[in-house]
């Protein structure tokens, strides 16, 4: 007597197949999630590194593009009709200068009055370095920001301020200049008080949370190639 053959899939085999397919789908989902997270972290790290490198390059170009402007400080203010003085403010946490390089136009735009200064960071943690750009329209426009030689109005951050560096433990400026005794070598000063312009500017900064896997803010040294004395009339810029 011939035994009848049975064909088909039992319920147990079907359940096993569904379980295996579910495990495979979960594994693929986790693999995709891990891959996307790794890509997102790499992309974020790359953008952070580009931002740090770009900010350092911007600072160097802004300082190297310094224009030796002589401003009419105090023009129209009470108590004086204005005095001619070199337009450069050099303090430990603020610089003011006129530069041919700007964020909006790079080297092709109009000269800008730059206010580069340090403000407190978010939630009071650390500090950040910001810059204000004000179109330069002549010695009188620059003179509105200074009351006398080496005396300037305070700078403040606003909606148009651009953050050059954030989450810094510290940020300070020093200036290379000739001491009063001309026989002494050049020195770095925390404040610039010279009669002309500094020979170089150094910006020292350090990250608030060091991370060896990311590009960190480093000190910037920019030479100033200016050979002009404010007491000699060269003509207005």
C-alpha atoms as a PDB file:
ATOM      1  CA  UNK A   1       0.000   0.000   0.000  1.00  0.00           C
ATOM      2  CA  UNK A   2       1.497   3.405  -1.049  1.00  0.00           C
ATOM      3  CA  UNK A   3       1.921   6.131   1.644  1.00  0.00           C
ATOM      4  CA  UNK A   4       0.518   9.501   0.610  1.00  0.00           C
ATOM      5  CA  UNK A   5       3.165  12.293   0.547  1.00  0.00           C
ATOM      6  CA  UNK A   6       2.286  15.538   2.255  1.00  0.00           C
ATOM      7  CA  UNK A   7       3.468  18.936   0.950  1.00  0.00           C
ATOM      8  CA  UNK A   8       3.351  22.419   2.568  1.00  0.00           C
ATOM      9  CA  UNK A   9       4.660  24.377   5.536  1.00  0.00           C
ATOM     10  CA  UNK A  10       3.764  23.701   9.093  1.00  0.00           C
ATOM     11  CA  UNK A  11       2.766  26.455  11.499  1.00  0.00           C
ATOM     12  CA  UNK A  12       5.977  25.972  13.485  1.00  0.00           C
ATOM     13  CA  UNK A  13       8.134  26.448  10.390  1.00  0.00           C
ATOM     14  CA  UNK A  14       6.198  29.589   9.500  1.00  0.00           C
ATOM     15  CA  UNK A  15       6.700  31.050  12.975  1.00  0.00           C
ATOM     16  CA  UNK A  16      10.418  30.320  12.829  1.00  0.00           C
ATOM     17  CA  UNK A  17      10.680  32.048   9.448  1.00  0.00           C
ATOM     18  CA  UNK A  18       8.822  35.123  10.721  1.00  0.00           C
ATOM     19  CA  UNK A  19      11.072  35.307  13.807  1.00  0.00           C
ATOM     20  CA  UNK A  20      14.223  35.005  11.692  1.00  0.00           C
ATOM     21  CA  UNK A  21      12.984  37.691   9.300  1.00  0.00           C
ATOM     22  CA  UNK A  22      12.171  39.994  12.244  1.00  0.00           C
ATOM     23  CA  UNK A  23      15.630  39.502  13.749  1.00  0.00           C
ATOM     24  CA  UNK A  24      17.226  40.213  10.375  1.00  0.00           C
ATOM     25  CA  UNK A  25      15.173  43.396   9.981  1.00  0.00           C
ATOM     26  CA  UNK A  26      16.085  44.575  13.492  1.00  0.00           C
ATOM     27  CA  UNK A  27      19.766  43.891  12.778  1.00  0.00           C
ATOM     28  CA  UNK A  28      19.620  45.868   9.540  1.00  0.00           C
ATOM     29  CA  UNK A  29      17.823  48.713  11.309  1.00  0.00           C
ATOM     30  CA  UNK A  30      20.472  48.892  14.039  1.00  0.00           C
ATOM     31  CA  UNK A  31      23.259  48.755  11.450  1.00  0.00           C
ATOM     32  CA  UNK A  32      21.698  51.625   9.503  1.00  0.00           C
ATOM     33  CA  UNK A  33      21.201  53.639  12.691  1.00  0.00           C
ATOM     34  CA  UNK A  34      24.810  53.131  13.778  1.00  0.00           C
ATOM     35  CA  UNK A  35      26.003  54.091  10.294  1.00  0.00           C
ATOM     36  CA  UNK A  36      23.868  57.247  10.195  1.00  0.00           C
ATOM     37  CA  UNK A  37      25.012  58.267  13.683  1.00  0.00           C
ATOM     38  CA  UNK A  38      28.649  57.759  12.699  1.00  0.00           C
ATOM     39  CA  UNK A  39      28.109  59.810   9.533  1.00  0.00           C
ATOM     40  CA  UNK A  40      26.386  62.581  11.491  1.00  0.00           C
ATOM     41  CA  UNK A  41      29.194  62.741  14.065  1.00  0.00           C
ATOM     42  CA  UNK A  42      31.837  62.778  11.337  1.00  0.00           C
ATOM     43  CA  UNK A  43      29.994  65.512   9.469  1.00  0.00           C
ATOM     44  CA  UNK A  44      29.596  67.588  12.637  1.00  0.00           C
ATOM     45  CA  UNK A  45      33.256  67.170  13.508  1.00  0.00           C
ATOM     46  CA  UNK A  46      34.280  68.123   9.979  1.00  0.00           C
ATOM     47  CA  UNK A  47      32.107  71.254  10.066  1.00  0.00           C
ATOM     48  CA  UNK A  48      33.510  72.214  13.485  1.00  0.00           C
ATOM     49  CA  UNK A  49      37.056  71.801  12.192  1.00  0.00           C
ATOM     50  CA  UNK A  50      36.243  73.893   9.119  1.00  0.00           C
ATOM     51  CA  UNK A  51      34.672  76.560  11.326  1.00  0.00           C
ATOM     52  CA  UNK A  52      37.753  76.768  13.552  1.00  0.00           C
ATOM     53  CA  UNK A  53      40.157  76.866  10.603  1.00  0.00           C
ATOM     54  CA  UNK A  54      37.986  79.424   8.801  1.00  0.00           C
ATOM     55  CA  UNK A  55      37.779  81.699  11.845  1.00  0.00           C
ATOM     56  CA  UNK A  56      41.540  81.636  12.285  1.00  0.00           C
ATOM     57  CA  UNK A  57      42.057  82.459   8.614  1.00  0.00           C
ATOM     58  CA  UNK A  58      39.516  85.311   8.842  1.00  0.00           C
ATOM     59  CA  UNK A  59      41.296  86.819  11.853  1.00  0.00           C
ATOM     60  CA  UNK A  60      44.665  86.682  10.124  1.00  0.00           C
ATOM     61  CA  UNK A  61      43.329  88.338   6.981  1.00  0.00           C
ATOM     62  CA  UNK A  62      41.452  91.022   8.920  1.00  0.00           C
ATOM     63  CA  UNK A  63      44.607  92.001  10.788  1.00  0.00           C
ATOM     64  CA  UNK A  64      46.857  91.798   7.745  1.00  0.00           C
ATOM     65  CA  UNK A  65      44.406  94.035   5.860  1.00  0.00           C
ATOM     66  CA  UNK A  66      44.795  96.895   8.364  1.00  0.00           C
ATOM     67  CA  UNK A  67      44.488 100.352   6.797  1.00  0.00           C
ATOM     68  CA  UNK A  68      46.522 103.117   8.517  1.00  0.00           C
ATOM     69  CA  UNK A  69      43.633 105.526   9.038  1.00  0.00           C
ATOM     70  CA  UNK A  70      44.019 108.847  10.854  1.00  0.00           C
ATOM     71  CA  UNK A  71      40.641 109.661  12.448  1.00  0.00           C
ATOM     72  CA  UNK A  72      39.213 112.928  13.711  1.00  0.00           C
ATOM     73  CA  UNK A  73      38.575 111.714  17.258  1.00  0.00           C
ATOM     74  CA  UNK A  74      35.982 113.625  19.257  1.00  0.00           C
ATOM     75  CA  UNK A  75      34.694 115.499  16.217  1.00  0.00           C
ATOM     76  CA  UNK A  76      31.433 117.254  17.100  1.00  0.00           C
ATOM     77  CA  UNK A  77      31.509 116.080  20.732  1.00  0.00           C
ATOM     78  CA  UNK A  78      31.108 118.421  23.654  1.00  0.00           C
ATOM     79  CA  UNK A  79      34.348 119.967  24.775  1.00  0.00           C
ATOM     80  CA  UNK A  80      36.341 119.766  21.566  1.00  0.00           C
ATOM     81  CA  UNK A  81      36.388 120.055  17.835  1.00  0.00           C
ATOM     82  CA  UNK A  82      38.261 116.851  17.192  1.00  0.00           C
ATOM     83  CA  UNK A  83      41.911 115.828  17.183  1.00  0.00           C
ATOM     84  CA  UNK A  84      43.751 113.808  14.549  1.00  0.00           C
ATOM     85  CA  UNK A  85      45.021 110.462  15.842  1.00  0.00           C
ATOM     86  CA  UNK A  86      45.800 107.035  14.467  1.00  0.00           C
ATOM     87  CA  UNK A  87      42.700 104.854  14.547  1.00  0.00           C
ATOM     88  CA  UNK A  88      43.723 101.728  16.391  1.00  0.00           C
ATOM     89  CA  UNK A  89      42.504 100.509  19.755  1.00  0.00           C
ATOM     90  CA  UNK A  90      44.599  97.803  21.325  1.00  0.00           C
ATOM     91  CA  UNK A  91      43.367  96.443  24.647  1.00  0.00           C
ATOM     92  CA  UNK A  92      43.636  92.964  26.210  1.00  0.00           C
ATOM     93  CA  UNK A  93      40.076  92.038  25.145  1.00  0.00           C
ATOM     94  CA  UNK A  94      39.180  94.467  22.361  1.00  0.00           C
ATOM     95  CA  UNK A  95      40.682  95.754  19.132  1.00  0.00           C
ATOM     96  CA  UNK A  96      39.412  98.435  16.772  1.00  0.00           C
ATOM     97  CA  UNK A  97      40.906  99.008  13.369  1.00  0.00           C
ATOM     98  CA  UNK A  98      40.039  99.714   9.750  1.00  0.00           C
ATOM     99  CA  UNK A  99      40.638  96.780   7.401  1.00  0.00           C
ATOM    100  CA  UNK A 100      40.213  96.099   3.717  1.00  0.00           C
ATOM    101  CA  UNK A 101      39.112  92.536   4.504  1.00  0.00           C
ATOM    102  CA  UNK A 102      35.543  91.936   5.650  1.00  0.00           C
ATOM    103  CA  UNK A 103      33.246  88.948   6.116  1.00  0.00           C
ATOM    104  CA  UNK A 104      30.766  90.218   3.543  1.00  0.00           C
ATOM    105  CA  UNK A 105      33.083  91.255   0.733  1.00  0.00           C
ATOM    106  CA  UNK A 106      36.405  89.567   1.590  1.00  0.00           C
ATOM    107  CA  UNK A 107      39.133  91.561  -0.206  1.00  0.00           C
ATOM    108  CA  UNK A 108      36.720  92.957  -2.820  1.00  0.00           C
ATOM    109  CA  UNK A 109      34.385  94.963  -0.610  1.00  0.00           C
ATOM    110  CA  UNK A 110      34.444  98.365   1.030  1.00  0.00           C
ATOM    111  CA  UNK A 111      36.825  99.062   3.899  1.00  0.00           C
ATOM    112  CA  UNK A 112      35.263  98.282   7.264  1.00  0.00           C
ATOM    113  CA  UNK A 113      35.760  99.460  10.826  1.00  0.00           C
ATOM    114  CA  UNK A 114      36.262  96.225  12.759  1.00  0.00           C
ATOM    115  CA  UNK A 115      35.473  95.819  16.432  1.00  0.00           C
ATOM    116  CA  UNK A 116      36.995  92.515  17.551  1.00  0.00           C
ATOM    117  CA  UNK A 117      36.287  91.834  21.211  1.00  0.00           C
ATOM    118  CA  UNK A 118      35.625  89.185  23.857  1.00  0.00           C
ATOM    119  CA  UNK A 119      32.241  88.643  25.525  1.00  0.00           C
ATOM    120  CA  UNK A 120      30.976  86.060  28.066  1.00  0.00           C
ATOM    121  CA  UNK A 121      29.941  82.692  26.637  1.00  0.00           C
ATOM    122  CA  UNK A 122      26.540  81.047  26.693  1.00  0.00           C
ATOM    123  CA  UNK A 123      25.173  80.358  30.194  1.00  0.00           C
ATOM    124  CA  UNK A 124      28.191  82.149  31.639  1.00  0.00           C
ATOM    125  CA  UNK A 125      30.600  79.356  30.623  1.00  0.00           C
ATOM    126  CA  UNK A 126      33.846  80.563  29.142  1.00  0.00           C
ATOM    127  CA  UNK A 127      34.072  83.382  26.607  1.00  0.00           C
ATOM    128  CA  UNK A 128      33.507  83.915  22.903  1.00  0.00           C
ATOM    129  CA  UNK A 129      35.259  86.102  20.336  1.00  0.00           C
ATOM    130  CA  UNK A 130      33.008  88.262  18.152  1.00  0.00           C
ATOM    131  CA  UNK A 131      33.442  90.947  15.510  1.00  0.00           C
ATOM    132  CA  UNK A 132      31.324  93.927  14.451  1.00  0.00           C
ATOM    133  CA  UNK A 133      31.717  95.400  10.973  1.00  0.00           C
ATOM    134  CA  UNK A 134      30.908  99.075  10.394  1.00  0.00           C
ATOM    135  CA  UNK A 135      31.351 100.578   6.894  1.00  0.00           C
ATOM    136  CA  UNK A 136      34.249 103.012   6.845  1.00  0.00           C
ATOM    137  CA  UNK A 137      33.223 106.329   5.273  1.00  0.00           C
ATOM    138  CA  UNK A 138      36.202 108.498   6.073  1.00  0.00           C
ATOM    139  CA  UNK A 139      38.103 109.935   9.070  1.00  0.00           C
ATOM    140  CA  UNK A 140      34.944 111.505  10.506  1.00  0.00           C
ATOM    141  CA  UNK A 141      33.062 108.185  10.599  1.00  0.00           C
ATOM    142  CA  UNK A 142      35.940 106.555  12.445  1.00  0.00           C
ATOM    143  CA  UNK A 143      36.229 109.578  14.743  1.00  0.00           C
ATOM    144  CA  UNK A 144      32.750 108.963  16.139  1.00  0.00           C
ATOM    145  CA  UNK A 145      34.117 105.908  17.949  1.00  0.00           C
ATOM    146  CA  UNK A 146      37.036 107.622  19.667  1.00  0.00           C
ATOM    147  CA  UNK A 147      36.908 110.563  22.065  1.00  0.00           C
ATOM    148  CA  UNK A 148      40.641 111.268  22.079  1.00  0.00           C
ATOM    149  CA  UNK A 149      43.926 109.576  21.329  1.00  0.00           C
ATOM    150  CA  UNK A 150      43.871 106.039  22.802  1.00  0.00           C
ATOM    151  CA  UNK A 151      40.363 106.622  24.230  1.00  0.00           C
ATOM    152  CA  UNK A 152      37.458 104.826  22.585  1.00  0.00           C
ATOM    153  CA  UNK A 153      33.773 104.253  23.212  1.00  0.00           C
ATOM    154  CA  UNK A 154      32.805 100.793  24.542  1.00  0.00           C
ATOM    155  CA  UNK A 155      31.834  98.078  22.045  1.00  0.00           C
ATOM    156  CA  UNK A 156      28.733  95.913  22.397  1.00  0.00           C
ATOM    157  CA  UNK A 157      27.499  92.758  20.689  1.00  0.00           C
ATOM    158  CA  UNK A 158      24.282  92.904  18.663  1.00  0.00           C
ATOM    159  CA  UNK A 159      22.222  90.861  16.191  1.00  0.00           C
ATOM    160  CA  UNK A 160      24.738  91.549  13.410  1.00  0.00           C
ATOM    161  CA  UNK A 161      27.766  90.477  15.459  1.00  0.00           C
ATOM    162  CA  UNK A 162      29.589  87.461  14.036  1.00  0.00           C
ATOM    163  CA  UNK A 163      30.989  84.826  16.394  1.00  0.00           C
ATOM    164  CA  UNK A 164      34.551  84.008  15.352  1.00  0.00           C
ATOM    165  CA  UNK A 165      35.275  81.555  18.170  1.00  0.00           C
ATOM    166  CA  UNK A 166      33.076  80.096  20.888  1.00  0.00           C
ATOM    167  CA  UNK A 167      33.476  77.959  24.010  1.00  0.00           C
ATOM    168  CA  UNK A 168      36.882  79.399  24.878  1.00  0.00           C
ATOM    169  CA  UNK A 169      38.546  79.154  28.271  1.00  0.00           C
ATOM    170  CA  UNK A 170      40.218  82.508  27.610  1.00  0.00           C
ATOM    171  CA  UNK A 171      41.022  84.898  24.778  1.00  0.00           C
ATOM    172  CA  UNK A 172      43.409  87.837  25.018  1.00  0.00           C
ATOM    173  CA  UNK A 173      45.287  90.149  22.670  1.00  0.00           C
ATOM    174  CA  UNK A 174      48.913  91.308  22.878  1.00  0.00           C
ATOM    175  CA  UNK A 175      50.763  93.767  20.659  1.00  0.00           C
ATOM    176  CA  UNK A 176      54.349  93.843  19.442  1.00  0.00           C
ATOM    177  CA  UNK A 177      55.780  97.344  19.731  1.00  0.00           C
ATOM    178  CA  UNK A 178      58.958  99.299  20.304  1.00  0.00           C
ATOM    179  CA  UNK A 179      59.518 100.355  23.951  1.00  0.00           C
ATOM    180  CA  UNK A 180      59.948 104.029  24.785  1.00  0.00           C
ATOM    181  CA  UNK A 181      63.658 103.445  24.944  1.00  0.00           C
ATOM    182  CA  UNK A 182      64.362 102.933  21.249  1.00  0.00           C
ATOM    183  CA  UNK A 183      67.545 101.039  22.046  1.00  0.00           C
ATOM    184  CA  UNK A 184      65.594  98.179  23.642  1.00  0.00           C
ATOM    185  CA  UNK A 185      64.317  95.299  21.475  1.00  0.00           C
ATOM    186  CA  UNK A 186      60.689  94.912  20.466  1.00  0.00           C
ATOM    187  CA  UNK A 187      58.369  93.628  23.212  1.00  0.00           C
ATOM    188  CA  UNK A 188      54.852  92.260  23.563  1.00  0.00           C
ATOM    189  CA  UNK A 189      52.480  94.580  25.437  1.00  0.00           C
ATOM    190  CA  UNK A 190      48.956  93.851  26.763  1.00  0.00           C
ATOM    191  CA  UNK A 191      47.923  97.368  25.689  1.00  0.00           C
ATOM    192  CA  UNK A 192      49.058  99.272  22.661  1.00  0.00           C
ATOM    193  CA  UNK A 193      50.073 102.835  23.466  1.00  0.00           C
ATOM    194  CA  UNK A 194      52.482 103.530  20.609  1.00  0.00           C
ATOM    195  CA  UNK A 195      52.350 106.628  18.418  1.00  0.00           C
ATOM    196  CA  UNK A 196      51.757 104.634  15.213  1.00  0.00           C
ATOM    197  CA  UNK A 197      50.622 101.023  14.766  1.00  0.00           C
ATOM    198  CA  UNK A 198      51.823  97.715  16.244  1.00  0.00           C
ATOM    199  CA  UNK A 199      54.351  95.602  14.412  1.00  0.00           C
ATOM    200  CA  UNK A 200      52.261  92.476  15.001  1.00  0.00           C
ATOM    201  CA  UNK A 201      49.195  91.259  16.906  1.00  0.00           C
ATOM    202  CA  UNK A 202      48.931  87.955  18.750  1.00  0.00           C
ATOM    203  CA  UNK A 203      45.630  86.409  19.822  1.00  0.00           C
ATOM    204  CA  UNK A 204      46.005  83.727  22.486  1.00  0.00           C
ATOM    205  CA  UNK A 205      43.039  81.449  23.129  1.00  0.00           C
ATOM    206  CA  UNK A 206      42.313  77.976  24.423  1.00  0.00           C
ATOM    207  CA  UNK A 207      39.224  75.726  24.246  1.00  0.00           C
ATOM    208  CA  UNK A 208      36.933  75.479  27.247  1.00  0.00           C
ATOM    209  CA  UNK A 209      36.556  71.703  26.793  1.00  0.00           C
ATOM    210  CA  UNK A 210      39.699  70.299  25.113  1.00  0.00           C
ATOM    211  CA  UNK A 211      39.043  67.476  22.664  1.00  0.00           C
ATOM    212  CA  UNK A 212      42.006  65.801  20.982  1.00  0.00           C
ATOM    213  CA  UNK A 213      39.767  64.444  18.212  1.00  0.00           C
ATOM    214  CA  UNK A 214      38.796  67.960  17.040  1.00  0.00           C
ATOM    215  CA  UNK A 215      40.714  70.890  15.648  1.00  0.00           C
ATOM    216  CA  UNK A 216      41.318  73.227  18.588  1.00  0.00           C
ATOM    217  CA  UNK A 217      41.603  77.032  18.566  1.00  0.00           C
ATOM    218  CA  UNK A 218      45.248  78.028  18.666  1.00  0.00           C
ATOM    219  CA  UNK A 219      47.193  81.251  19.046  1.00  0.00           C
ATOM    220  CA  UNK A 220      47.220  83.501  16.000  1.00  0.00           C
ATOM    221  CA  UNK A 221      50.140  85.732  15.096  1.00  0.00           C
ATOM    222  CA  UNK A 222      49.557  88.324  12.367  1.00  0.00           C
ATOM    223  CA  UNK A 223      52.277  90.748  11.240  1.00  0.00           C
ATOM    224  CA  UNK A 224      51.211  94.341  10.542  1.00  0.00           C
ATOM    225  CA  UNK A 225      52.966  95.799   7.498  1.00  0.00           C
ATOM    226  CA  UNK A 226      52.278  99.513   7.958  1.00  0.00           C
ATOM    227  CA  UNK A 227      54.896 102.192   7.343  1.00  0.00           C
ATOM    228  CA  UNK A 228      53.035 105.437   7.961  1.00  0.00           C
ATOM    229  CA  UNK A 229      53.166 108.031  10.725  1.00  0.00           C
ATOM    230  CA  UNK A 230      49.927 109.774  11.779  1.00  0.00           C
ATOM    231  CA  UNK A 231      51.619 113.177  12.039  1.00  0.00           C
ATOM    232  CA  UNK A 232      52.650 113.181   8.372  1.00  0.00           C
ATOM    233  CA  UNK A 233      49.810 114.227   5.969  1.00  0.00           C
ATOM    234  CA  UNK A 234      49.480 111.507   3.326  1.00  0.00           C
ATOM    235  CA  UNK A 235      45.990 112.555   2.206  1.00  0.00           C
ATOM    236  CA  UNK A 236      42.714 111.034   3.332  1.00  0.00           C
ATOM    237  CA  UNK A 237      42.066 107.383   2.594  1.00  0.00           C
END
